[in-house]
Structure formats: structure tokens, C-alpha cells
Protein backbone atom coordinates (compact mmCIF):
# COMPACT_ATOMS: atom_id res chain seq x y z
CA MET A 1 14.44 -16.19 9.02
CA ASP A 2 17.77 -15.41 7.19
CA THR A 3 17.08 -17.21 4.42
CA ARG A 4 13.80 -14.93 3.80
CA ARG A 5 15.85 -11.79 4.64
CA GLU A 6 18.47 -12.65 2.27
CA PHE A 7 15.80 -13.16 -0.37
CA ILE A 8 14.11 -9.70 0.47
CA LYS A 9 17.63 -8.13 0.75
CA LYS A 10 18.31 -9.04 -3.25
CA THR A 11 14.57 -8.09 -4.11
CA ALA A 12 15.18 -4.72 -2.48
CA THR A 13 18.69 -3.53 -4.41
CA GLY A 14 18.08 -6.35 -7.76
CA SER A 15 16.04 -3.94 -9.92
CA ALA A 16 16.92 -3.52 -13.52
CA GLY A 17 15.69 0.17 -12.96
CA LEU A 18 13.12 1.91 -14.94
CA ILE A 19 12.19 0.21 -18.03
CA LEU A 20 9.15 1.76 -20.07
CA GLY A 21 8.75 -0.75 -22.58
CA ALA A 22 10.56 -3.78 -24.42
CA SER A 23 11.96 -1.10 -27.09
CA LEU A 24 14.42 0.27 -24.79
CA LEU A 25 15.43 -3.46 -23.89
CA PRO A 26 18.65 -4.46 -25.25
CA ASN A 27 18.44 -8.23 -26.96
CA PHE A 28 19.22 -10.22 -23.95
CA GLY A 29 17.01 -13.35 -24.80
CA TYR A 30 14.10 -11.44 -23.38
CA SER A 31 12.10 -12.94 -26.34
CA ASN A 32 12.31 -16.44 -24.64
CA ILE A 33 10.69 -15.03 -21.47
CA LEU A 34 6.83 -15.84 -21.74
CA GLY A 35 4.66 -12.58 -22.86
CA ALA A 36 7.74 -10.65 -23.17
CA ASN A 37 6.33 -9.60 -26.69
CA GLU A 38 3.17 -9.15 -25.76
CA ARG A 39 0.67 -6.17 -24.51
CA VAL A 40 -0.27 -6.29 -20.89
CA ASN A 41 -4.41 -5.68 -21.04
CA VAL A 42 -5.51 -4.06 -17.79
CA ALA A 43 -8.33 -3.29 -15.62
CA VAL A 44 -8.52 -0.27 -13.12
CA ILE A 45 -11.16 -1.52 -10.63
CA GLY A 46 -12.27 1.51 -8.23
CA VAL A 47 -11.58 4.86 -10.39
CA ARG A 48 -11.80 7.75 -8.25
CA SER A 49 -8.94 9.73 -7.02
CA ARG A 50 -5.58 7.08 -6.34
CA ALA A 51 -6.61 5.57 -9.92
CA ARG A 52 -5.85 8.55 -11.89
CA SER A 53 -2.32 8.23 -10.55
CA LEU A 54 -2.44 4.24 -11.59
CA THR A 55 -3.79 5.54 -14.75
CA SER A 56 -1.63 8.01 -15.91
CA ALA A 57 1.47 5.71 -15.09
CA ILE A 58 0.34 2.48 -16.81
CA ALA A 59 0.11 4.90 -19.76
CA ARG A 60 3.50 5.55 -20.10
CA TYR A 61 4.24 2.00 -20.22
CA SER A 62 4.38 1.33 -24.07
CA GLU A 63 3.50 -2.61 -23.80
CA ALA A 64 0.20 -2.18 -21.12
CA LYS A 65 -2.97 -0.84 -21.97
CA VAL A 66 -6.20 -0.28 -20.04
CA ILE A 67 -9.04 -2.17 -21.35
CA TYR A 68 -11.21 -2.04 -18.74
CA THR A 69 -12.27 0.36 -15.88
CA CYS A 70 -14.89 -0.50 -13.39
CA ASP A 71 -16.57 1.22 -10.45
CA VAL A 72 -20.06 1.15 -8.52
CA ASP A 73 -20.44 4.51 -8.34
CA ASP A 74 -22.09 6.07 -12.02
CA LYS A 75 -21.15 9.71 -10.97
CA ILE A 76 -17.34 8.81 -10.72
CA ILE A 77 -17.74 6.61 -13.80
CA GLU A 78 -18.70 9.56 -15.85
CA LYS A 79 -15.81 11.47 -14.50
CA ASN A 80 -13.45 8.93 -15.18
CA ASN A 81 -13.99 8.49 -18.71
CA VAL A 82 -13.82 12.08 -19.34
CA PHE A 83 -10.42 11.75 -17.60
CA CYS A 84 -9.30 8.99 -19.88
CA GLN A 85 -10.22 10.35 -23.13
CA GLU A 86 -8.03 13.54 -22.15
CA THR A 87 -5.11 11.18 -21.03
CA LEU A 88 -5.13 8.10 -22.35
CA GLY A 89 -7.09 9.28 -25.80
CA TYR A 90 -9.79 6.49 -25.69
CA VAL A 91 -12.55 5.64 -22.80
CA PRO A 92 -12.25 2.06 -21.62
CA GLN A 93 -14.93 -0.41 -21.76
CA VAL A 94 -16.81 0.25 -18.71
CA GLU A 95 -18.26 -2.41 -15.99
CA LYS A 96 -19.78 -1.63 -12.60
CA ASP A 97 -19.57 -5.55 -11.39
CA PHE A 98 -15.79 -6.14 -11.08
CA ARG A 99 -16.91 -9.77 -11.33
CA LYS A 100 -17.66 -9.43 -15.22
CA VAL A 101 -14.24 -8.00 -16.10
CA LEU A 102 -12.62 -10.90 -14.31
CA GLU A 103 -14.55 -13.48 -16.35
CA ASP A 104 -12.68 -11.83 -19.43
CA LYS A 105 -9.81 -13.79 -20.47
CA SER A 106 -8.17 -11.16 -22.19
CA VAL A 107 -7.18 -9.41 -19.25
CA ASP A 108 -4.11 -10.22 -17.52
CA ALA A 109 -3.53 -7.79 -14.59
CA VAL A 110 -6.10 -5.96 -12.07
CA PHE A 111 -5.38 -2.81 -10.32
CA ILE A 112 -7.44 -2.23 -7.03
CA ALA A 113 -7.97 1.07 -6.27
CA THR A 114 -11.07 0.28 -4.17
CA PRO A 115 -12.05 0.66 -0.44
CA GLU A 116 -9.80 -1.22 1.70
CA HIS A 117 -12.41 -4.07 2.93
CA TRP A 118 -12.32 -5.06 -0.90
CA HIS A 119 -8.70 -5.25 -1.09
CA ALA A 120 -7.58 -8.65 -0.22
CA PRO A 121 -10.78 -10.45 -1.15
CA MET A 122 -11.07 -8.63 -5.14
CA ALA A 123 -7.26 -9.73 -5.06
CA ILE A 124 -8.09 -13.40 -4.48
CA MET A 125 -10.52 -13.55 -6.52
CA ALA A 126 -8.84 -12.02 -9.58
CA LEU A 127 -5.76 -14.58 -8.54
CA GLN A 128 -8.35 -17.72 -8.96
CA ALA A 129 -9.07 -16.20 -12.30
CA GLY A 130 -5.85 -16.09 -13.53
CA LYS A 131 -4.87 -12.22 -13.19
CA HIS A 132 -1.75 -10.65 -11.85
CA VAL A 133 -2.18 -8.24 -9.17
CA TYR A 134 -1.29 -4.81 -8.68
CA VAL A 135 -3.44 -3.83 -4.66
CA GLU A 136 -3.37 -0.60 -3.36
CA LYS A 137 -2.13 -0.47 0.19
CA PRO A 138 -2.76 -1.73 2.74
CA CYS A 139 -2.80 -5.23 1.10
CA SER A 140 -5.59 -6.39 3.77
CA HIS A 141 -8.37 -5.03 5.97
CA ASN A 142 -7.46 -7.90 8.79
CA LEU A 143 -4.66 -10.35 9.58
CA HIS A 144 -6.47 -13.10 7.97
CA GLU A 145 -6.74 -11.48 4.68
CA ASN A 146 -3.18 -10.79 5.00
CA GLU A 147 -2.38 -14.75 5.51
CA LEU A 148 -4.92 -15.42 3.05
CA LEU A 149 -3.37 -13.29 -0.16
CA VAL A 150 -0.20 -14.61 0.55
CA ALA A 151 -1.69 -18.28 0.39
CA ALA A 152 -3.30 -17.48 -2.72
CA GLN A 153 -0.52 -16.03 -4.44
CA LYS A 154 1.85 -18.99 -3.80
CA LYS A 155 -1.08 -20.98 -4.74
CA TYR A 156 -1.71 -19.44 -8.07
CA GLY A 157 1.74 -18.19 -9.02
CA LYS A 158 0.91 -14.89 -10.16
CA VAL A 159 2.90 -11.53 -9.77
CA VAL A 160 1.44 -9.44 -6.65
CA GLN A 161 2.88 -6.00 -6.04
CA MET A 162 1.70 -3.51 -3.46
CA GLY A 163 1.73 0.07 -3.82
CA ASN A 164 4.04 1.26 -1.80
CA GLN A 165 5.68 3.03 -4.45
CA GLN A 166 8.73 4.54 -2.47
CA ARG A 167 10.02 0.87 -2.68
CA SER A 168 10.79 1.92 -6.55
CA ALA A 169 12.56 5.55 -5.42
CA GLU A 170 16.25 5.32 -6.83
CA THR A 171 17.43 7.81 -4.05
CA SER A 172 15.89 5.38 -1.75
CA LYS A 173 16.95 2.20 -3.22
CA LEU A 174 20.45 4.00 -2.63
CA ALA A 175 20.70 4.88 0.96
CA VAL A 176 19.24 1.18 1.75
CA LYS A 177 22.53 0.26 -0.11
CA GLU A 178 24.55 2.59 1.68
CA ILE A 179 23.19 2.24 4.71
CA LYS A 180 24.03 -1.47 4.69
CA GLU A 181 27.37 -0.41 3.30
CA GLY A 182 27.89 1.38 6.83
CA ILE A 183 27.35 4.87 6.23
CA ILE A 184 25.64 5.93 9.13
CA GLY A 185 27.26 2.96 11.14
CA ASP A 186 24.81 0.73 12.50
CA VAL A 187 21.13 1.79 12.26
CA TYR A 188 18.86 1.24 15.31
CA LYS A 189 15.94 3.15 14.61
CA GLY A 190 13.64 3.81 12.04
CA GLU A 191 11.19 6.97 12.70
CA ALA A 192 7.88 7.47 10.79
CA TYR A 193 5.73 10.13 10.56
CA TYR A 194 2.47 11.71 9.32
CA SER A 195 1.08 15.00 9.61
CA ASN A 196 -2.39 16.62 8.64
CA ASN A 197 -5.26 18.39 10.04
CA ARG A 198 -8.55 16.14 8.58
CA GLY A 199 -11.57 17.83 9.53
CA SER A 200 -14.56 16.35 11.12
CA ILE A 201 -16.63 13.97 9.30
CA GLY A 202 -19.67 14.69 11.50
CA THR A 203 -22.17 12.12 12.56
CA GLY A 204 -23.88 10.36 9.79
CA LYS A 205 -27.64 10.48 9.05
CA LYS A 206 -29.19 7.43 7.55
CA ILE A 207 -30.39 8.31 3.91
CA ALA A 208 -31.40 6.82 0.75
CA VAL A 209 -28.49 5.28 -1.04
CA PRO A 210 -27.81 7.74 -4.37
CA SER A 211 -29.53 6.27 -7.53
CA ASN A 212 -25.93 6.63 -8.78
CA LEU A 213 -24.58 3.95 -6.33
CA ASP A 214 -24.72 0.23 -5.94
CA TRP A 215 -24.46 0.60 -2.03
CA ASP A 216 -24.87 -3.79 -1.85
CA LEU A 217 -21.98 -4.11 -4.47
CA TRP A 218 -19.34 -1.28 -2.36
CA GLN A 219 -20.14 -3.67 0.54
CA GLY A 220 -19.48 -6.39 -1.04
CA PRO A 221 -17.17 -8.63 1.39
CA ALA A 222 -18.45 -6.16 4.86
CA PRO A 223 -21.41 -7.13 7.15
CA ARG A 224 -24.91 -5.07 5.80
CA GLU A 225 -25.39 -1.57 7.22
CA ALA A 226 -27.26 1.09 6.21
CA TYR A 227 -26.29 3.91 4.21
CA ARG A 228 -24.91 7.25 5.80
CA ASP A 229 -23.98 10.60 4.54
CA ASN A 230 -20.92 10.34 5.95
CA ILE A 231 -19.19 7.29 4.72
CA HIS A 232 -18.94 7.45 0.26
CA PRO A 233 -16.72 8.61 -1.47
CA TYR A 234 -14.05 8.76 0.97
CA ASN A 235 -14.58 8.74 4.72
CA TRP A 236 -14.98 4.69 4.65
CA HIS A 237 -11.39 5.14 5.69
CA TRP A 238 -12.27 6.19 9.72
CA PHE A 239 -14.95 3.25 10.03
CA LYS A 240 -14.11 0.16 11.11
CA THR A 241 -16.05 -1.89 9.08
CA TRP A 242 -14.51 -0.59 5.75
CA GLY A 243 -11.58 1.17 6.57
CA THR A 244 -8.18 0.80 8.85
CA GLY A 245 -7.22 3.81 10.11
CA GLU A 246 -4.48 6.60 9.28
CA ILE A 247 -1.51 3.85 10.82
CA HIS A 248 -2.66 1.94 7.06
CA ASN A 249 -3.70 5.16 5.10
CA ASN A 250 -0.18 6.52 5.00
CA GLY A 251 1.70 4.91 8.01
CA THR A 252 1.99 1.75 5.79
CA HIS A 253 4.22 3.90 3.05
CA GLU A 254 6.90 5.39 6.35
CA ILE A 255 6.96 2.34 8.28
CA ASP A 256 7.52 -0.02 5.26
CA ILE A 257 10.38 2.61 4.42
CA CYS A 258 11.68 2.37 8.00
CA ARG A 259 11.50 -1.92 7.84
CA TRP A 260 13.22 -1.88 4.54
CA ALA A 261 16.23 0.80 6.06
CA LEU A 262 16.85 -1.43 9.02
CA GLY A 263 16.35 -4.74 7.41
CA VAL A 264 13.96 -6.48 9.90
CA ASP A 265 10.67 -8.38 9.41
CA ILE A 266 8.14 -9.19 12.17
CA PRO A 267 8.34 -7.52 15.32
CA LYS A 268 9.00 -9.07 19.06
CA THR A 269 6.61 -6.66 20.48
CA VAL A 270 4.26 -3.78 19.48
CA THR A 271 2.94 -1.03 21.61
CA SER A 272 0.63 1.85 20.83
CA PHE A 273 -0.81 4.66 22.84
CA GLY A 274 -3.03 7.82 21.52
CA GLY A 275 -6.81 7.91 21.19
CA LYS A 276 -9.17 10.40 19.76
CA TYR A 277 -8.43 13.97 20.67
CA THR A 278 -10.22 16.36 18.44
CA TYR A 279 -13.75 16.34 17.10
CA LYS A 280 -16.66 14.15 18.45
CA ASP A 281 -17.84 12.81 15.24
CA ASP A 282 -18.33 9.44 13.77
CA TRP A 283 -14.41 8.81 13.37
CA GLU A 284 -13.31 5.42 14.69
CA PHE A 285 -9.52 5.10 15.02
CA ALA A 286 -6.79 7.25 17.02
CA ASP A 287 -6.47 10.51 15.27
CA ASN A 288 -3.32 11.15 16.74
CA GLN A 289 -1.33 7.61 17.74
CA GLN A 290 2.31 6.81 18.76
CA ALA A 291 3.05 3.29 17.81
CA THR A 292 6.50 1.83 19.02
CA PHE A 293 7.39 -2.14 17.26
CA THR A 294 10.85 -3.77 18.68
CA TYR A 295 13.22 -6.20 16.97
CA ASP A 296 16.00 -8.20 17.56
CA ASP A 297 19.14 -6.31 17.96
CA ASN A 298 17.83 -3.60 19.87
CA LYS A 299 16.24 -2.18 16.71
CA PHE A 300 12.72 -0.17 17.08
CA ILE A 301 10.48 1.58 14.59
CA THR A 302 8.39 4.27 15.58
CA TRP A 303 5.02 5.58 14.08
CA THR A 304 3.83 9.03 14.96
CA GLY A 305 0.37 9.81 13.26
CA HIS A 306 -1.33 13.33 13.83
CA SER A 307 -4.14 12.78 11.31
CA ARG A 308 -5.95 15.86 12.58
CA GLY A 309 -3.99 18.26 14.04
CA LYS A 310 -0.40 19.04 12.99
CA ILE A 311 3.08 17.97 14.32
CA MET A 312 4.35 20.98 15.68
CA PRO A 313 7.29 22.48 15.60
CA SER A 314 6.65 22.32 11.76
CA GLN A 315 7.93 19.74 10.18
CA PRO A 316 7.21 18.05 6.64
CA GLY A 317 3.71 16.38 5.76
CA ARG A 318 5.32 12.96 6.31
CA GLY A 319 8.75 10.83 5.79
CA ALA A 320 11.16 8.39 7.56
CA THR A 321 14.29 8.83 9.55
CA ILE A 322 16.94 6.67 9.87
CA TYR A 323 19.63 6.86 13.04
CA GLY A 324 22.69 5.13 13.16
CA SER A 325 25.61 5.18 14.88
CA LYS A 326 27.70 7.47 13.19
CA GLY A 327 24.56 9.56 11.38
CA SER A 328 21.05 9.83 9.89
CA ILE A 329 19.10 9.88 6.85
CA LEU A 330 16.23 11.36 6.02
CA LEU A 331 14.09 9.78 3.47
CA SER A 332 11.28 11.06 1.20
CA ARG A 333 9.09 10.07 -2.01
CA ASN A 334 11.66 13.18 -3.44
CA ASN A 335 14.91 12.85 -1.81
CA TYR A 336 17.71 11.36 0.52
CA GLN A 337 19.88 13.81 2.84
CA LEU A 338 22.32 12.01 4.62
CA PHE A 339 23.18 13.97 8.32
CA ASP A 340 26.12 13.47 10.82
CA LEU A 341 25.48 13.22 14.46
CA GLY A 342 25.56 16.75 15.00
CA GLY A 343 22.68 17.23 12.44
CA ASN A 344 24.79 18.88 9.55
CA LEU A 345 23.75 18.20 6.10
CA ILE A 346 26.28 15.90 4.58
CA LYS A 347 24.45 15.63 1.50
CA LYS A 348 21.37 14.87 -0.65
CA VAL A 349 20.09 13.08 -3.56
CA ASP A 350 16.91 14.25 -5.41
CA GLU A 351 14.51 11.83 -7.05
CA LYS A 352 14.56 12.62 -11.24
CA GLU A 353 11.01 13.10 -11.69
CA LYS A 354 9.02 14.15 -8.28
CA SER A 355 6.29 11.92 -6.70
CA ALA A 356 2.96 12.89 -6.40
CA THR A 357 3.30 12.84 -2.64
CA LEU A 358 0.38 14.74 -1.87
CA ASN A 359 -1.47 14.80 -5.06
CA THR A 360 -3.29 11.70 -6.03
CA ALA A 361 -4.86 12.96 -9.19
CA GLY A 362 -1.80 12.57 -11.15
CA ALA A 363 1.34 10.21 -12.01
CA GLY A 364 4.54 11.08 -10.03
CA GLY A 365 7.78 9.63 -10.82
CA LEU A 366 7.39 6.68 -8.26
CA ASP A 367 3.91 5.61 -9.56
CA VAL A 368 5.61 5.00 -13.35
CA ARG A 369 8.33 3.31 -11.55
CA HIS A 370 6.72 0.89 -9.32
CA ILE A 371 4.08 0.15 -12.24
CA ALA A 372 7.16 -0.44 -15.04
CA ASN A 373 8.50 -2.69 -12.17
CA PHE A 374 5.29 -4.61 -11.67
CA PHE A 375 5.13 -4.59 -15.76
CA ASN A 376 8.36 -6.23 -16.06
CA ALA A 377 7.86 -8.84 -13.51
CA ILE A 378 5.13 -10.01 -15.65
CA ARG A 379 6.47 -9.62 -18.89
CA LEU A 380 10.40 -9.97 -18.51
CA GLY A 381 10.67 -11.89 -14.91
CA GLU A 382 12.13 -8.69 -13.41
CA GLN A 383 12.75 -9.16 -9.67
CA GLN A 384 9.87 -7.35 -8.00
CA ASN A 385 10.31 -4.24 -5.98
CA SER A 386 7.83 -4.87 -3.56
CA PRO A 387 6.42 -8.88 -3.75
CA ILE A 388 3.78 -9.74 -1.79
CA THR A 389 5.50 -11.94 0.56
CA ASP A 390 7.32 -8.65 1.86
CA ALA A 391 4.40 -6.08 1.47
CA SER A 392 2.22 -8.09 3.37
CA ILE A 393 5.17 -7.86 6.92
CA THR A 394 4.10 -4.13 6.41
CA THR A 395 0.57 -4.50 6.56
CA MET A 396 1.06 -7.11 9.38
CA THR A 397 3.18 -4.62 11.55
CA CYS A 398 0.63 -1.99 10.83
CA HIS A 399 -2.72 -4.21 11.79
CA LEU A 400 -1.10 -5.08 14.94
CA GLY A 401 -0.63 -1.52 16.15
CA ASN A 402 -4.23 -1.47 15.35
CA ILE A 403 -5.14 -3.91 17.70
CA SER A 404 -2.35 -2.86 20.51
CA GLN A 405 -4.07 0.48 20.38
CA GLN A 406 -7.71 -1.10 20.89
CA LEU A 407 -6.59 -3.04 23.51
CA GLY A 408 -4.53 -0.78 25.29
CA ARG A 409 -1.63 -2.93 26.24
CA THR A 410 1.54 -4.24 24.46
CA LEU A 411 1.44 -7.48 22.43
CA ASN A 412 4.00 -9.57 22.10
CA ILE A 413 4.66 -11.53 18.83
CA ASN A 414 5.47 -14.76 17.27
CA THR A 415 8.31 -13.37 14.92
CA LYS A 416 7.80 -16.31 12.59
CA THR A 417 4.30 -16.42 11.97
CA GLY A 418 3.01 -12.88 13.38
CA ARG A 419 0.78 -14.04 15.81
CA VAL A 420 0.10 -12.57 19.37
CA ILE A 421 1.52 -14.67 22.08
CA LYS A 422 -0.91 -15.77 24.50
CA ASP A 423 -3.42 -13.20 24.23
CA ARG A 424 -7.17 -14.35 23.08
CA GLU A 425 -8.79 -11.08 22.96
CA ALA A 426 -5.47 -9.94 20.66
CA LEU A 427 -6.63 -12.80 18.66
CA LYS A 428 -10.46 -12.41 18.37
CA HIS A 429 -9.07 -9.62 16.58
CA TRP A 430 -7.46 -11.77 13.76
CA LYS A 431 -10.18 -12.04 11.25
CA ARG A 432 -13.48 -10.08 10.80
CA ASP A 433 -17.38 -10.80 10.12
CA TYR A 434 -18.04 -11.26 6.69
CA GLU A 435 -21.59 -10.66 4.64
CA LYS A 436 -23.07 -14.31 4.05
CA GLY A 437 -21.61 -15.48 0.75
CA TRP A 438 -19.02 -13.13 0.18
CA GLU A 439 -15.86 -14.63 2.34
CA PRO A 440 -12.54 -15.07 0.61
CA LYS A 441 -11.63 -18.60 0.66
CA LEU A 442 -8.90 -20.59 -1.13
């Protein structure tokens, strides 16, 4: 475990910073690195809202080009084509079936911004096709896929980066460095939170599949269900067949920052309280959740997720606070704030470029940095800010939070494997059922 922690520490602090193109690099022999002088050809798969941020950020990296976009919905494709023309100055080749994209050997890397049940299966297929992968969080729909994706990356040796873009925030890097140097003493707690007021998703009615949508390919690895009018294009997040709930949808980001700042890996215990308290609708996860993750050295992380009903008294919509024996640090995507034990602000450091924190349509500074780091890892051998070996631990942590919530009890965890100890019922949630012929395999 110590060896892996040292690797993670080096990865977290060893980034060479934001590099938007080889033209900005001094001549340190980078031409000898495989692919350093070559353009990275990119496919963006799943092109609704989040993909627009990714596409805009890719466009700001001079040695990368989007040559494919892919989606199963014709209306979404049409809107994205307009966006690409405005943003890129051209419309990339369009495919509805991502498998055709993977067959094209000219594609070097894929960006996956699909519904979550597709993340790991598609990433694994892309690795098997020889592609590098940038996958939006969470990197898996279940713990079995989580293990499989990490194993696939090791087997095929490609770069895999998860979209937890705050790992590329210069202010967060500074804060983590100073935390390790003792600026707030001995750290013991990470407090992650998310506050929103999502409305009801109603009770879905079975209707004919819209002619613009390939519903079979949309479902892919998931067991087949009839199409209903409250699933696509966004509310799949709240159905267990396709989504993973708010602890993954937004908690992944803040829990990840807490893990990073506290220097912890897999938790010892996981406890979750909460439930569904607001609307009587098809939402299948807790809409208000409090999860606690404990670690060695008396460290712990809490997750407070208010999906429907704002946290009161009023506080920012999302963030992470790190507590130490000498003070605390508030980390957002846009700044780092240091406080003493009395809550007095000591210093504040802002990001040079604002993040698209609550706006998925444009590229924020963190998207640009995180994607540049991904490309630099491919072309220049730069250390990743979020290698999948580490990012998958955050995803694992969130999966365990969901399992604890569903079972209504504390889970004891093997801190080397992430497996739940002596709990057969919990282990039944390790893997999902797959549609015949679609189960991911190495």
C-alpha cells in the first residue's frame, strides 16, 4: 500500500502544468518520444451537453483534432453538428454506432460522454481496439466493471483518464502540496457536499421509441426494457439500470478531492444514511444522502448529497472542506481558501481561468488543463493527473456508498481489494446482469 501511495503522491504533484501544444515546449528531446510530433485524432462518443465542454477543450489543444462524433440520437447529432461548425469550424464525420469508430485505425483516442452504463464497457472495447480513453465520471456502473477497466488498462497499456477535472486545478494542487507540508497540521476529515433542487421526474409512460433514437444501441449492455417518456436524454441518472445516483453524478468530484487531500485510498468502513424524501416518482436512488467513509489514522470523509432540496443555511452548490489540527481549507473548482481554527480567512488563491462548474456547455479552465494532461500523457509521456488506477478508487468508494445505503448497514471493507468482508448480500451487488452478448470481457 505504501508503494502505491508514493506513486499516487508523485502523480498528484508531478504534472508539468498546462501545455497546449508542442510549439510551447522547449527542446528537451521530446521528439524522441513516440508520437510527440504527431496529431492525436479523436472521437467524441455521446455528444449531448457534457461533450460540448470536452469538444471545446479539445479544440484548444493544437495537436489534437476531432475527426468523429458519435451518438444514437439523430436530433442530438444535428444540434452537435451546428455546435461543431461554430466551435471547430467544421463538422467531423458522424457515426451512430461507436463500433464503426473503433474499427477506424486512424482514431487514436476516444472521449466517452455517454450514459453511465456504457462507460466501462465502451472504454474496455476502445482499449481492445488500441485506443487511448478519456472517460467521464464515474468510470464504471458497478464494482465488477471497475476492476475490469483497471485490468484492461494494464493489459493493453494505453492511457486512460477519468473526467475528475479538479485534479488538474492549479489551486487544488497547491493546496494538496501545502497540506502535505503541514499548513493545517494533521488532517483528519474531508467534508464533501452537493446542493441542488432537482424537480420530479414523474412516472414514466411506455411509448413508442422516437424515430430519431436507436433505443437498442442506447441500452447496449443493460438488460432490455420498454422505452418510457422520462428516461432519455437525462433522467437515466436516477434509474439503477443505467445510472448510479447523485453520489456518483456529483459526489465523485468532491469525494475524490477529499481522498486526494487526506492521502487515503480504499476505506475501512462505509456507512450511508438517507433516502428518498421529496416526490413520489420513478427516482430510484436516495435524493438526500449522508455517507461516511473511515480510514486508518482516524481519518474520515463525509458526503452530504442534497439532490432535491437545498442544504440550509445557504452554502455554495458544491465543494470540499479539509479539516486539520491547525485550520481548514475549502477547495472549489475555482479557488483555494485557507482558514484558521477560528474560521478566519488567512488566504485565498483563485484559478487563473474559471471552471465550467455548473455549465456543461462550455470549456472551463479545468477541462482544458485535464484534457491537455491526457494528450500530453499520450504524446509526451507526461504523468497523468488522474490515472485510472487511482480514479477507480474514488468510483469504488461511491459504489460502496450506494450499496451501504441500499442495505441499510455499515460495510467492512478489505482495504487492499475493496471487497466487502463477510457480507454475501453486499457482494451480490458487485456485478450487474448484462444483455446477452454485451457483457464486457477481457
